[in-house]
């Protein structure tokens, strides 16, 4: 019975009228499928050439659209930013729903400022049918800020790249196979649309050294791979290539190009050691940037920063390659020694021992930072215990520095620079000075402290004077090692004696000054005070055997702050101290 019924059914279908067969075929077709695509399947993410049209042909009332970029889901808000808000019903997770008027819809797709990559869109109608469309978005491209970057052999080249657009990472290629060296460097922009890659030609080709670092702390750079080399990069011109996106060995069509020129290292080596001083109040991180000239005989106050900058071809490259001056000094690339030249009898010379992580070293530059009051030196003590490792005022030291890497020099060319330590203090001279009363009376003097140091200076009546007075102001040490302070002494009586003293140095600066009547026939003089005799037993400093270059960084003199009147009477040194100061020609005491 089953077989005949089957045959009957087939027969009925085969011999049905033509019109009925046509109707059956139409009824069997589902709601029309979606058809869609982009008018241009390649665009850029720049301000021009970034627009295309997504055409959707469907009878559905609404469509739900999702997208991926290079296989990763695109957030719904990003998708709406591309397709716009016209007809938007709403968003859910990574999906945007739009109404479809009539038998289709067209969306103006805008990819300006969007990340580059391949975007695949999936369109689903409310009837369950789907369609796909694809578009490739190219980056407008990263570019070099200059056509050529240059450095000497073994030096560091700064390669700066403009990184516009939403992409935050890219690839830099240095060199080529034909040049005998090729390095692929990946970088990430910290958010300012610019990345500076510091490329170390001394370390290039050596995976154990630091080849690149970022010029901006917010950026990131790393070497993906490089050619190994037993020698330094030879002088010449090397090709630079950059593009946005993940690091890749395949150079895209939209890459930008520049060059790196490595020059010959100068002969003879132009290396030197510059000496400067910075105020003790500064943190280590700022001392190198504001250091100024040292005092006579290249002497630095015990509490101040002694700043020694090492300069010369490839020095910066060597220091960065090893990660700091201490590690570089421990290698065979350069030699650095700091040793006392005037040791105490029966005592060993004090010597600064440089370790790879020595806190006296500035890790980011070829700078040696010392502070005699806190830096420890190494010395062998004498049997009588008179020797000590800590530096003392009057000590003299020699810095011996040379580049020793045989790939850079045939023979080391040593540079020697001497400096010394002194007690900190300031002085007024002469101790007894006659001035004309006035609103702007200037007192000045010398100091062993670094330029930029500030301290409080007071002018007050002598002890037991009635009525008493005091004026205070701030003095700043100028680039010439002198300080000055201005006071209003217009109310002082002719012949009245006042005391000048320092507050910052715990009373170490002190002297007497007399005020006389105004003169109508001669101009008002400005008090200029010269150094007093040094009252301490500090041994005199011997001059350096080498010519000391003037420090290039100086601290300009700043006018003293207006003096502040104080109503309360503060006693001065007293009559006896005033007489001693007058007889001794002025006092200058050290800071303890």
Protein backbone atom coordinates (compact mmCIF):
# COMPACT_ATOMS: atom_id res chain seq x y z
CA UNK A 1 0.00 0.00 0.00
CA UNK A 2 2.87 2.41 0.70
CA UNK A 3 4.50 2.14 -2.75
CA UNK A 4 1.28 2.92 -4.82
CA UNK A 5 0.50 5.98 -2.72
CA UNK A 6 3.99 7.25 -3.34
CA UNK A 7 3.64 6.73 -7.07
CA UNK A 8 0.29 8.46 -7.06
CA UNK A 9 1.69 11.47 -5.34
CA UNK A 10 4.51 11.77 -7.83
CA UNK A 11 2.10 11.40 -10.69
CA UNK A 12 -0.07 14.18 -9.41
CA UNK A 13 2.88 16.49 -9.18
CA UNK A 14 4.14 15.66 -12.63
CA UNK A 15 0.84 16.16 -14.36
CA UNK A 16 -0.39 19.19 -12.51
CA UNK A 17 -1.31 22.23 -14.67
CA UNK A 18 1.54 24.59 -15.51
CA UNK A 19 -0.02 27.49 -13.67
CA UNK A 20 -0.22 25.48 -10.48
CA UNK A 21 3.44 24.47 -10.76
CA UNK A 22 4.47 28.09 -11.09
CA UNK A 23 2.47 29.09 -8.06
CA UNK A 24 3.99 26.31 -6.02
CA UNK A 25 7.49 27.49 -6.94
CA UNK A 26 6.73 31.09 -5.90
CA UNK A 27 5.22 30.01 -2.61
CA UNK A 28 8.31 27.88 -1.83
CA UNK A 29 10.69 30.91 -2.09
CA UNK A 30 11.43 32.66 1.27
CA UNK A 31 11.31 36.42 1.78
CA UNK A 32 13.92 37.98 -0.62
CA UNK A 33 17.55 37.64 0.64
CA UNK A 34 19.68 40.64 1.62
CA UNK A 35 22.26 41.93 -0.81
CA UNK A 36 24.88 44.50 0.23
CA UNK A 37 28.31 45.91 -0.48
CA UNK A 38 30.54 48.97 -0.36
CA UNK A 39 30.82 51.30 -3.32
CA UNK A 40 34.59 51.56 -2.69
CA UNK A 41 36.28 48.63 -1.02
CA UNK A 42 39.47 50.60 -0.12
CA UNK A 43 39.60 53.88 1.80
CA UNK A 44 42.02 55.76 4.07
CA UNK A 45 41.59 56.96 7.63
CA UNK A 46 42.70 60.48 6.73
CA UNK A 47 40.65 63.59 6.12
CA UNK A 48 40.27 62.78 2.41
CA UNK A 49 39.52 59.50 0.69
CA UNK A 50 37.96 58.12 3.84
CA UNK A 51 34.31 57.85 2.72
CA UNK A 52 32.48 55.01 0.99
CA UNK A 53 28.83 53.91 0.72
CA UNK A 54 27.32 50.74 2.13
CA UNK A 55 24.29 49.79 -0.04
CA UNK A 56 21.80 47.28 1.35
CA UNK A 57 19.05 45.78 -0.84
CA UNK A 58 16.38 44.06 1.26
CA UNK A 59 12.67 43.90 1.96
CA UNK A 60 13.31 43.60 5.68
CA UNK A 61 11.99 46.34 7.91
CA UNK A 62 15.06 46.47 10.16
CA UNK A 63 18.62 45.18 9.99
CA UNK A 64 21.13 44.40 12.70
CA UNK A 65 24.75 45.13 11.78
CA UNK A 66 27.93 43.82 13.41
CA UNK A 67 31.56 44.26 12.33
CA UNK A 68 35.06 42.99 12.91
CA UNK A 69 38.42 44.66 12.24
CA UNK A 70 41.20 42.23 11.41
CA UNK A 71 39.10 39.53 13.03
CA UNK A 72 38.46 41.43 16.27
CA UNK A 73 34.94 42.63 17.21
CA UNK A 74 34.20 46.31 16.68
CA UNK A 75 32.29 48.03 19.54
CA UNK A 76 28.77 49.18 18.69
CA UNK A 77 29.55 52.85 19.34
CA UNK A 78 32.49 52.66 16.91
CA UNK A 79 30.22 51.08 14.32
CA UNK A 80 27.65 53.85 14.76
CA UNK A 81 30.49 56.36 14.38
CA UNK A 82 31.22 54.82 10.97
CA UNK A 83 27.64 54.42 9.66
CA UNK A 84 26.07 57.46 11.33
CA UNK A 85 22.92 57.84 13.38
CA UNK A 86 20.24 58.16 10.68
CA UNK A 87 17.66 55.41 11.14
CA UNK A 88 19.37 54.09 14.24
CA UNK A 89 17.00 52.15 16.46
CA UNK A 90 19.54 51.36 19.15
CA UNK A 91 22.67 49.43 20.06
CA UNK A 92 23.23 46.26 22.02
CA UNK A 93 26.63 44.89 22.92
CA UNK A 94 28.50 44.93 19.57
CA UNK A 95 25.39 45.29 17.41
CA UNK A 96 23.67 48.33 15.89
CA UNK A 97 20.03 48.13 14.68
CA UNK A 98 18.75 50.34 11.86
CA UNK A 99 15.37 50.76 10.11
CA UNK A 100 15.20 50.09 6.38
CA UNK A 101 12.85 52.34 4.40
CA UNK A 102 11.37 50.85 1.23
CA UNK A 103 13.31 48.06 -0.42
CA UNK A 104 16.78 49.05 0.77
CA UNK A 105 19.05 51.56 2.44
CA UNK A 106 22.34 53.35 1.83
CA UNK A 107 24.75 54.29 4.59
CA UNK A 108 27.52 56.85 4.21
CA UNK A 109 30.44 55.06 5.87
CA UNK A 110 33.09 57.43 7.26
CA UNK A 111 36.46 55.97 8.29
CA UNK A 112 38.39 59.18 9.06
CA UNK A 113 40.39 58.79 12.29
CA UNK A 114 39.44 55.10 12.47
CA UNK A 115 42.00 52.36 12.94
CA UNK A 116 43.36 50.83 9.75
CA UNK A 117 42.61 47.23 8.85
CA UNK A 118 40.09 45.00 7.07
CA UNK A 119 36.51 45.65 8.22
CA UNK A 120 33.99 42.83 7.64
CA UNK A 121 30.35 43.79 8.21
CA UNK A 122 27.53 41.30 8.71
CA UNK A 123 23.96 42.51 8.01
CA UNK A 124 21.01 40.48 9.41
CA UNK A 125 17.43 41.24 8.47
CA UNK A 126 14.53 40.82 10.83
CA UNK A 127 13.57 37.80 8.72
CA UNK A 128 16.81 35.99 9.59
CA UNK A 129 18.57 36.47 6.25
CA UNK A 130 22.17 37.76 6.21
CA UNK A 131 24.66 39.46 3.91
CA UNK A 132 28.29 40.49 4.27
CA UNK A 133 30.39 43.38 3.01
CA UNK A 134 34.10 44.12 3.31
CA UNK A 135 36.24 47.26 3.12
CA UNK A 136 39.98 47.79 3.69
CA UNK A 137 41.04 50.93 5.56
CA UNK A 138 44.59 52.13 5.03
CA UNK A 139 46.42 54.46 7.39
CA UNK A 140 47.32 57.90 6.07
CA UNK A 141 50.83 56.85 7.06
CA UNK A 142 53.44 57.82 9.62
CA UNK A 143 56.13 60.20 8.43
CA UNK A 144 59.61 61.27 9.54
CA UNK A 145 59.96 64.84 10.79
CA UNK A 146 63.28 65.31 8.97
CA UNK A 147 64.65 63.91 5.73
CA UNK A 148 67.88 62.78 7.39
CA UNK A 149 69.02 61.98 10.94
CA UNK A 150 72.73 62.09 11.71
CA UNK A 151 75.23 61.09 14.38
CA UNK A 152 78.90 60.24 14.71
CA UNK A 153 80.14 56.69 14.73
CA UNK A 154 79.21 55.06 18.02
CA UNK A 155 76.81 57.89 18.86
CA UNK A 156 73.04 58.05 19.33
CA UNK A 157 70.74 59.17 16.52
CA UNK A 158 67.35 60.62 17.43
CA UNK A 159 64.77 59.53 14.86
CA UNK A 160 61.48 61.40 15.29
CA UNK A 161 58.26 60.14 13.71
CA UNK A 162 54.90 61.90 13.39
CA UNK A 163 52.12 59.45 14.25
CA UNK A 164 48.76 61.05 13.33
CA UNK A 165 45.46 59.24 13.43
CA UNK A 166 43.99 56.73 15.84
CA UNK A 167 46.73 54.13 15.44
CA UNK A 168 49.05 54.14 18.46
CA UNK A 169 51.80 51.81 17.29
CA UNK A 170 54.04 51.33 14.30
CA UNK A 171 57.18 49.80 12.86
CA UNK A 172 60.56 51.33 12.08
CA UNK A 173 63.18 49.56 9.98
CA UNK A 174 66.79 50.75 10.15
CA UNK A 175 69.06 49.71 7.30
CA UNK A 176 68.61 46.92 4.79
CA UNK A 177 70.14 43.63 3.78
CA UNK A 178 72.27 45.36 1.17
CA UNK A 179 73.74 47.66 3.83
CA UNK A 180 74.90 44.73 5.96
CA UNK A 181 72.59 45.63 8.82
CA UNK A 182 68.82 45.60 9.31
CA UNK A 183 66.87 46.19 12.51
CA UNK A 184 63.10 46.06 12.98
CA UNK A 185 61.90 48.30 15.81
CA UNK A 186 58.35 48.28 17.18
CA UNK A 187 57.11 51.44 18.87
CA UNK A 188 53.98 52.73 20.61
CA UNK A 189 52.91 56.35 20.89
CA UNK A 190 52.12 57.66 24.36
CA UNK A 191 49.38 59.95 23.07
CA UNK A 192 51.03 63.07 21.63
CA UNK A 193 51.13 61.86 17.98
CA UNK A 194 54.93 61.84 17.94
CA UNK A 195 57.55 59.24 18.83
CA UNK A 196 61.31 59.73 19.09
CA UNK A 197 63.41 56.60 18.79
CA UNK A 198 66.95 56.98 20.15
CA UNK A 199 68.98 54.56 18.06
CA UNK A 200 72.38 53.65 19.52
CA UNK A 201 74.94 53.00 16.78
CA UNK A 202 77.46 51.76 19.36
CA UNK A 203 75.12 48.95 20.48
CA UNK A 204 73.64 48.14 17.06
CA UNK A 205 74.16 44.49 16.17
CA UNK A 206 74.72 43.39 19.78
CA UNK A 207 71.66 41.81 21.40
CA UNK A 208 73.20 42.05 24.88
CA UNK A 209 73.27 45.87 24.81
CA UNK A 210 70.53 48.51 24.78
CA UNK A 211 70.05 49.39 21.11
CA UNK A 212 67.00 51.66 21.35
CA UNK A 213 65.15 53.68 23.94
CA UNK A 214 62.33 56.21 23.81
CA UNK A 215 62.97 59.93 23.80
CA UNK A 216 59.70 60.44 25.69
CA UNK A 217 58.97 58.45 28.83
CA UNK A 218 55.35 57.92 27.77
CA UNK A 219 56.38 56.15 24.54
CA UNK A 220 57.55 52.55 24.18
CA UNK A 221 60.19 51.13 21.82
CA UNK A 222 61.80 47.72 21.43
CA UNK A 223 63.94 45.83 18.95
CA UNK A 224 61.99 42.99 17.32
CA UNK A 225 65.02 41.60 15.52
CA UNK A 226 68.33 42.82 14.11
CA UNK A 227 71.37 41.64 12.21
CA UNK A 228 74.24 40.56 14.45
CA UNK A 229 77.51 42.42 13.96
CA UNK A 230 80.93 41.98 15.60
CA UNK A 231 81.93 45.55 14.67
CA UNK A 232 80.36 48.98 14.90
CA UNK A 233 78.18 50.22 12.07
CA UNK A 234 80.42 51.69 9.43
CA UNK A 235 80.13 55.35 8.46
CA UNK A 236 77.64 55.83 5.65
CA UNK A 237 73.99 56.38 4.79
CA UNK A 238 71.37 53.89 5.99
CA UNK A 239 67.75 53.72 4.86
CA UNK A 240 64.94 54.36 7.35
CA UNK A 241 61.42 53.02 6.74
CA UNK A 242 58.34 53.54 8.90
CA UNK A 243 54.68 52.59 8.78
CA UNK A 244 51.76 52.31 11.14
CA UNK A 245 50.53 49.00 12.46
CA UNK A 246 52.05 45.87 13.89
CA UNK A 247 55.67 45.07 13.30
CA UNK A 248 56.13 43.17 10.06
CA UNK A 249 58.90 42.20 7.71
CA UNK A 250 56.79 43.19 4.70
CA UNK A 251 56.93 46.89 3.85
CA UNK A 252 53.43 48.17 2.96
CA UNK A 253 52.70 50.48 0.06
CA UNK A 254 52.00 53.45 2.34
CA UNK A 255 55.36 53.38 4.14
CA UNK A 256 57.48 56.53 4.50
CA UNK A 257 61.22 56.76 4.01
CA UNK A 258 64.17 58.75 5.34
CA UNK A 259 67.89 58.23 5.92
CA UNK A 260 70.35 57.88 8.78
CA UNK A 261 73.86 59.22 8.23
CA UNK A 262 76.66 57.91 10.44
CA UNK A 263 79.73 60.11 10.24
CA UNK A 264 83.34 59.51 11.10
CA UNK A 265 84.41 60.00 14.70
CA UNK A 266 86.59 63.07 15.01
CA UNK A 267 90.37 62.71 15.26
CA UNK A 268 91.84 63.31 17.73
CA UNK A 269 89.00 62.48 20.13
CA UNK A 270 87.39 65.69 21.35
CA UNK A 271 86.70 64.36 24.83
CA UNK A 272 86.63 66.44 28.00
CA UNK A 273 85.35 66.56 31.56
CA UNK A 274 83.40 69.68 32.49
CA UNK A 275 83.06 70.69 36.15
CA UNK A 276 80.13 72.53 37.71
CA UNK A 277 78.39 72.96 41.07
CA UNK A 278 74.72 72.88 42.04
CA UNK A 279 72.96 73.96 45.25
CA UNK A 280 72.62 71.32 47.95
CA UNK A 281 68.89 72.00 48.21
CA UNK A 282 68.25 70.56 44.75
CA UNK A 283 67.23 66.92 44.26
CA UNK A 284 69.62 64.68 42.38
CA UNK A 285 67.34 64.67 39.34
CA UNK A 286 67.65 68.45 38.91
CA UNK A 287 71.28 69.03 39.89
CA UNK A 288 72.74 68.35 36.44
CA UNK A 289 70.33 70.70 34.67
CA UNK A 290 70.95 73.86 36.73
CA UNK A 291 74.61 73.50 37.70
CA UNK A 292 76.77 76.62 37.44
CA UNK A 293 80.45 77.58 37.69
CA UNK A 294 82.58 76.48 40.64
CA UNK A 295 84.60 78.74 42.90
CA UNK A 296 88.31 79.60 42.78
CA UNK A 297 90.63 76.64 42.18
CA UNK A 298 87.62 74.62 40.95
CA UNK A 299 86.50 74.17 44.56
CA UNK A 300 83.01 73.05 45.55
CA UNK A 301 81.37 73.43 48.96
CA UNK A 302 81.22 70.19 50.94
CA UNK A 303 77.41 70.12 51.01
CA UNK A 304 76.85 71.14 47.37
CA UNK A 305 76.60 68.91 44.33
CA UNK A 306 79.78 68.40 42.33
CA UNK A 307 78.69 67.81 38.73
CA UNK A 308 81.19 66.18 36.35
CA UNK A 309 79.98 65.79 32.77
CA UNK A 310 81.93 63.40 30.56
CA UNK A 311 81.86 64.39 26.92
CA UNK A 312 83.36 62.96 23.77
CA UNK A 313 82.61 60.94 20.64
CA UNK A 314 80.60 57.80 21.41
CA UNK A 315 80.55 58.46 25.18
CA UNK A 316 76.78 58.88 25.28
CA UNK A 317 76.37 55.78 23.13
CA UNK A 318 78.61 53.72 25.41
CA UNK A 319 76.82 54.84 28.58
CA UNK A 320 73.34 54.18 27.16
CA UNK A 321 74.39 50.84 25.69
CA UNK A 322 75.45 49.53 29.11
CA UNK A 323 72.53 51.13 30.93
CA UNK A 324 74.50 53.70 32.92
CA UNK A 325 77.88 55.23 33.62
CA UNK A 326 78.73 52.76 36.39
CA UNK A 327 78.19 49.70 34.20
CA UNK A 328 80.07 51.35 31.33
CA UNK A 329 83.01 52.13 33.63
CA UNK A 330 83.05 48.49 34.73
CA UNK A 331 83.29 47.36 31.11
CA UNK A 332 86.19 47.61 28.71
CA UNK A 333 84.57 50.43 26.77
CA UNK A 334 85.76 53.34 28.91
CA UNK A 335 87.87 54.05 31.98
CA UNK A 336 86.84 56.39 34.80
CA UNK A 337 88.80 56.98 38.02
CA UNK A 338 88.38 59.55 40.80
CA UNK A 339 91.38 59.66 43.15
CA UNK A 340 92.74 62.04 45.79
CA UNK A 341 95.90 63.93 44.83
CA UNK A 342 96.88 65.31 48.27
CA UNK A 343 96.53 62.42 50.72
CA UNK A 344 97.20 62.85 54.42
CA UNK A 345 100.69 61.62 55.38
CA UNK A 346 100.72 57.90 56.22
CA UNK A 347 97.22 57.52 54.74
CA UNK A 348 96.15 56.01 51.45
CA UNK A 349 94.67 58.15 48.75
CA UNK A 350 90.91 58.38 48.93
CA UNK A 351 89.35 56.82 45.85
CA UNK A 352 85.78 56.75 44.62
CA UNK A 353 84.76 53.19 43.83
CA UNK A 354 82.27 53.15 40.98
CA UNK A 355 79.79 50.29 40.99
CA UNK A 356 77.23 49.42 38.35
CA UNK A 357 74.41 50.73 40.54
CA UNK A 358 76.35 53.44 42.35
CA UNK A 359 73.91 56.17 43.53
CA UNK A 360 76.43 58.87 42.63
CA UNK A 361 75.90 58.13 38.95
CA UNK A 362 73.19 59.61 36.77
CA UNK A 363 71.82 56.62 34.89
CA UNK A 364 70.35 58.68 32.06
CA UNK A 365 73.44 60.58 31.03
CA UNK A 366 77.23 60.52 31.18
CA UNK A 367 77.29 62.56 34.40
CA UNK A 368 79.00 61.92 37.73
CA UNK A 369 77.24 63.50 40.73
CA UNK A 370 79.15 63.78 44.00
CA UNK A 371 78.33 65.36 47.33
CA UNK A 372 81.30 65.34 49.67
CA UNK A 373 79.12 65.40 52.77
CA UNK A 374 77.35 62.15 51.81
CA UNK A 375 79.49 60.32 49.20
CA UNK A 376 81.70 57.58 50.59
CA UNK A 377 85.22 57.05 49.29
CA UNK A 378 87.47 54.06 49.83
CA UNK A 379 90.75 54.44 51.73
CA UNK A 380 93.05 52.18 53.75
CA UNK A 381 93.31 53.43 57.32
CA UNK A 382 96.64 54.03 59.03
CA UNK A 383 97.53 52.08 62.20
CA UNK A 384 96.97 55.18 64.34
CA UNK A 385 93.38 55.51 63.11
CA UNK A 386 93.97 59.01 61.76
CA UNK A 387 92.79 58.10 58.26
CA UNK A 388 89.18 58.23 57.18
CA UNK A 389 87.31 57.47 53.98
CA UNK A 390 85.07 60.55 54.11
CA UNK A 391 86.31 63.55 52.10
CA UNK A 392 87.46 66.63 54.01
CA UNK A 393 87.61 70.30 53.19
CA UNK A 394 90.90 70.94 51.46
CA UNK A 395 90.95 67.60 49.65
CA UNK A 396 91.97 67.67 45.98
CA UNK A 397 90.86 65.00 43.51
CA UNK A 398 91.67 64.11 39.93
CA UNK A 399 89.17 62.66 37.47
CA UNK A 400 90.85 60.48 34.86
CA UNK A 401 88.67 59.56 31.92
CA UNK A 402 89.28 57.82 28.59
CA UNK A 403 87.41 55.89 25.90
CA UNK A 404 89.12 52.49 25.71
CA UNK A 405 86.99 50.48 23.26
CA UNK A 406 89.38 49.30 20.56
CA UNK A 407 86.65 49.57 17.95
CA UNK A 408 86.66 53.33 18.51
CA UNK A 409 90.24 54.22 19.37
CA UNK A 410 93.64 52.81 18.50
CA UNK A 411 94.96 53.89 21.90
CA UNK A 412 93.22 55.55 24.89
CA UNK A 413 93.56 59.33 25.08
CA UNK A 414 93.22 60.14 28.78
CA UNK A 415 91.63 63.37 29.99
CA UNK A 416 92.45 64.60 33.51
CA UNK A 417 90.42 67.15 35.45
CA UNK A 418 91.08 68.30 39.05
CA UNK A 419 88.69 69.72 41.61
CA UNK A 420 88.57 70.22 45.37
CA UNK A 421 86.27 70.52 48.36
CA UNK A 422 85.95 73.54 50.69
CA UNK A 423 83.80 74.42 53.65
CA UNK A 424 80.62 76.26 52.76
CA UNK A 425 80.28 79.83 53.92
CA UNK A 426 79.82 83.47 52.99
CA UNK A 427 81.71 86.62 53.89
CA UNK A 428 81.45 90.41 54.17
CA UNK A 429 84.46 92.68 53.85
CA UNK A 430 85.49 95.10 55.11
CA UNK A 431 83.84 94.42 58.43
CA UNK A 432 83.30 98.12 59.14
CA UNK A 433 81.66 100.00 56.30
CA UNK A 434 80.28 103.48 56.01
CA UNK A 435 77.15 103.92 53.93
CA UNK A 436 74.69 106.71 53.26
CA UNK A 437 71.22 106.14 54.74
CA UNK A 438 68.62 105.46 52.04
CA UNK A 439 65.77 103.26 50.93
CA UNK A 440 67.95 100.99 48.78
CA UNK A 441 71.26 100.27 50.48
CA UNK A 442 72.94 97.25 48.91
CA UNK A 443 75.25 94.94 50.83
CA UNK A 444 77.18 92.21 49.02
CA UNK A 445 79.96 89.71 49.47
CA UNK A 446 81.49 86.43 48.40
CA UNK A 447 80.50 82.84 49.11
CA UNK A 448 81.79 79.35 48.41
CA UNK A 449 78.29 78.03 47.78
CA UNK A 450 77.03 77.13 44.31
CA UNK A 451 75.24 79.66 42.11
CA UNK A 452 71.52 79.64 42.80
CA UNK A 453 71.91 79.06 46.55
CA UNK A 454 69.62 81.30 48.61
CA UNK A 455 69.88 82.36 52.24
CA UNK A 456 68.38 84.93 54.59
CA UNK A 457 70.35 88.03 55.55
CA UNK A 458 69.43 90.36 58.42
CA UNK A 459 70.47 93.92 59.31
CA UNK A 460 69.73 94.86 62.91
CA UNK A 461 70.70 97.35 65.59
CA UNK A 462 73.55 96.52 67.92
CA UNK A 463 72.83 94.96 71.27
CA UNK A 464 71.15 97.19 73.87
CA UNK A 465 70.35 99.85 71.26
CA UNK A 466 67.13 101.78 71.94
CA UNK A 467 64.92 101.67 69.98
CA UNK A 468 65.99 98.45 68.27
CA UNK A 469 65.22 97.46 64.69
CA UNK A 470 65.76 94.60 62.25
CA UNK A 471 65.36 94.13 58.51
CA UNK A 472 65.48 90.74 56.73
CA UNK A 473 65.64 89.77 53.06
CA UNK A 474 66.65 86.88 50.83
CA UNK A 475 69.99 86.88 49.03
CA UNK A 476 70.85 84.67 46.07
CA UNK A 477 74.30 83.58 44.95
CA UNK A 478 74.96 84.73 41.39
CA UNK A 479 76.93 83.06 38.63
CA UNK A 480 80.04 85.00 39.72
CA UNK A 481 79.92 83.51 43.23
CA UNK A 482 78.79 86.77 44.85
CA UNK A 483 75.64 87.51 46.80
CA UNK A 484 73.84 90.81 47.39
CA UNK A 485 70.95 92.08 49.47
CA UNK A 486 69.14 95.44 49.51
CA UNK A 487 67.74 97.10 52.65
CA UNK A 488 65.76 100.21 53.57
CA UNK A 489 67.98 102.15 55.99
CA UNK A 490 66.40 105.56 55.40
CA UNK A 491 65.26 105.84 59.03
CA UNK A 492 68.68 105.22 60.53
CA UNK A 493 70.38 108.09 62.34
CA UNK A 494 73.82 109.43 61.33
CA UNK A 495 76.57 107.53 63.09
CA UNK A 496 74.30 104.68 64.13
CA UNK A 497 75.96 101.28 64.05
CA UNK A 498 74.15 98.18 62.76
CA UNK A 499 74.96 94.47 62.59
CA UNK A 500 74.86 92.48 59.34
CA UNK A 501 74.43 88.77 59.84
CA UNK A 502 73.21 85.64 58.07
CA UNK A 503 70.23 83.65 59.23
CA UNK A 504 70.52 80.84 56.67
CA UNK A 505 74.02 79.90 57.87
CA UNK A 506 73.11 79.91 61.56
CA UNK A 507 74.89 83.20 62.17
CA UNK A 508 78.04 82.19 60.29
CA UNK A 509 78.03 85.40 58.24
CA UNK A 510 78.44 88.44 60.45
CA UNK A 511 80.02 91.90 60.39
CA UNK A 512 79.36 95.46 61.54
CA UNK A 513 78.39 98.42 59.38
CA UNK A 514 78.09 102.09 60.34
CA UNK A 515 75.48 104.45 58.93
CA UNK A 516 76.49 108.09 58.42
CA UNK A 517 74.60 111.22 57.39
CA UNK A 518 73.40 111.72 53.86
CA UNK A 519 75.62 113.75 51.55
CA UNK A 520 74.15 116.32 49.20
CA UNK A 521 77.34 116.78 47.20
CA UNK A 522 78.27 113.20 46.40
CA UNK A 523 76.14 110.39 44.96
CA UNK A 524 74.82 107.71 47.27
CA UNK A 525 77.37 104.88 47.27
CA UNK A 526 76.52 101.19 46.94
CA UNK A 527 78.27 99.06 49.50
CA UNK A 528 80.49 96.46 47.81
CA UNK A 529 82.04 94.06 50.24
CA UNK A 530 85.13 91.97 49.46
CA UNK A 531 86.03 88.57 50.93
CA UNK A 532 87.32 88.36 54.47
CA UNK A 533 90.29 86.31 55.60
CA UNK A 534 89.41 82.64 56.08
CA UNK A 535 89.37 82.04 59.85
CA UNK A 536 89.36 78.24 59.57
CA UNK A 537 92.35 75.94 59.58
CA UNK A 538 91.44 74.53 56.17
CA UNK A 539 94.55 73.85 54.06
CA UNK A 540 94.82 76.16 51.03
CA UNK A 541 93.66 74.75 47.72
CA UNK A 542 96.33 74.20 45.11
CA UNK A 543 95.54 75.24 41.55
CA UNK A 544 94.52 72.61 39.02
CA UNK A 545 97.31 71.50 36.67
CA UNK A 546 94.96 71.59 33.75
CA UNK A 547 93.03 74.39 32.20
CA UNK A 548 89.43 74.17 33.31
CA UNK A 549 86.80 74.97 30.70
CA UNK A 550 84.07 77.30 31.84
CA UNK A 551 80.86 75.51 32.66
CA UNK A 552 78.31 76.12 29.93
CA UNK A 553 75.33 76.05 32.27
CA UNK A 554 75.18 79.10 34.50
CA UNK A 555 72.64 80.35 36.97
CA UNK A 556 71.81 84.00 36.28
CA UNK A 557 71.89 86.43 39.16
CA UNK A 558 68.46 87.17 40.52
CA UNK A 559 67.71 90.47 42.29
CA UNK A 560 67.27 90.02 45.99
CA UNK A 561 63.76 89.87 47.37
CA UNK A 562 62.45 93.03 49.01
CA UNK A 563 63.42 93.17 52.65
CA UNK A 564 60.85 92.38 55.32
CA UNK A 565 60.58 94.65 58.37
CA UNK A 566 60.34 92.99 61.77
CA UNK A 567 58.83 94.84 64.70
CA UNK A 568 60.48 92.81 67.43
CA UNK A 569 63.98 93.74 68.47
CA UNK A 570 66.57 91.03 67.81
CA UNK A 571 69.96 91.55 69.49
CA UNK A 572 73.02 91.60 67.25
CA UNK A 573 76.54 90.48 68.00
CA UNK A 574 77.18 92.96 70.75
CA UNK A 575 79.87 95.61 71.19
CA UNK A 576 82.65 93.13 71.97
CA UNK A 577 81.94 91.06 68.89
CA UNK A 578 81.79 94.24 66.84
CA UNK A 579 85.22 95.30 68.04
CA UNK A 580 86.65 91.85 67.28
CA UNK A 581 85.18 91.99 63.81
CA UNK A 582 86.60 95.44 63.26
CA UNK A 583 90.08 94.40 64.42
CA UNK A 584 90.09 91.14 62.49
CA UNK A 585 88.98 92.74 59.25
CA UNK A 586 85.77 90.67 59.07
CA UNK A 587 84.70 87.20 59.95
CA UNK A 588 83.59 84.34 57.76
CA UNK A 589 82.61 81.18 59.51
CA UNK A 590 81.91 77.86 57.94
CA UNK A 591 78.63 76.05 57.96
CA UNK A 592 78.73 73.30 60.48
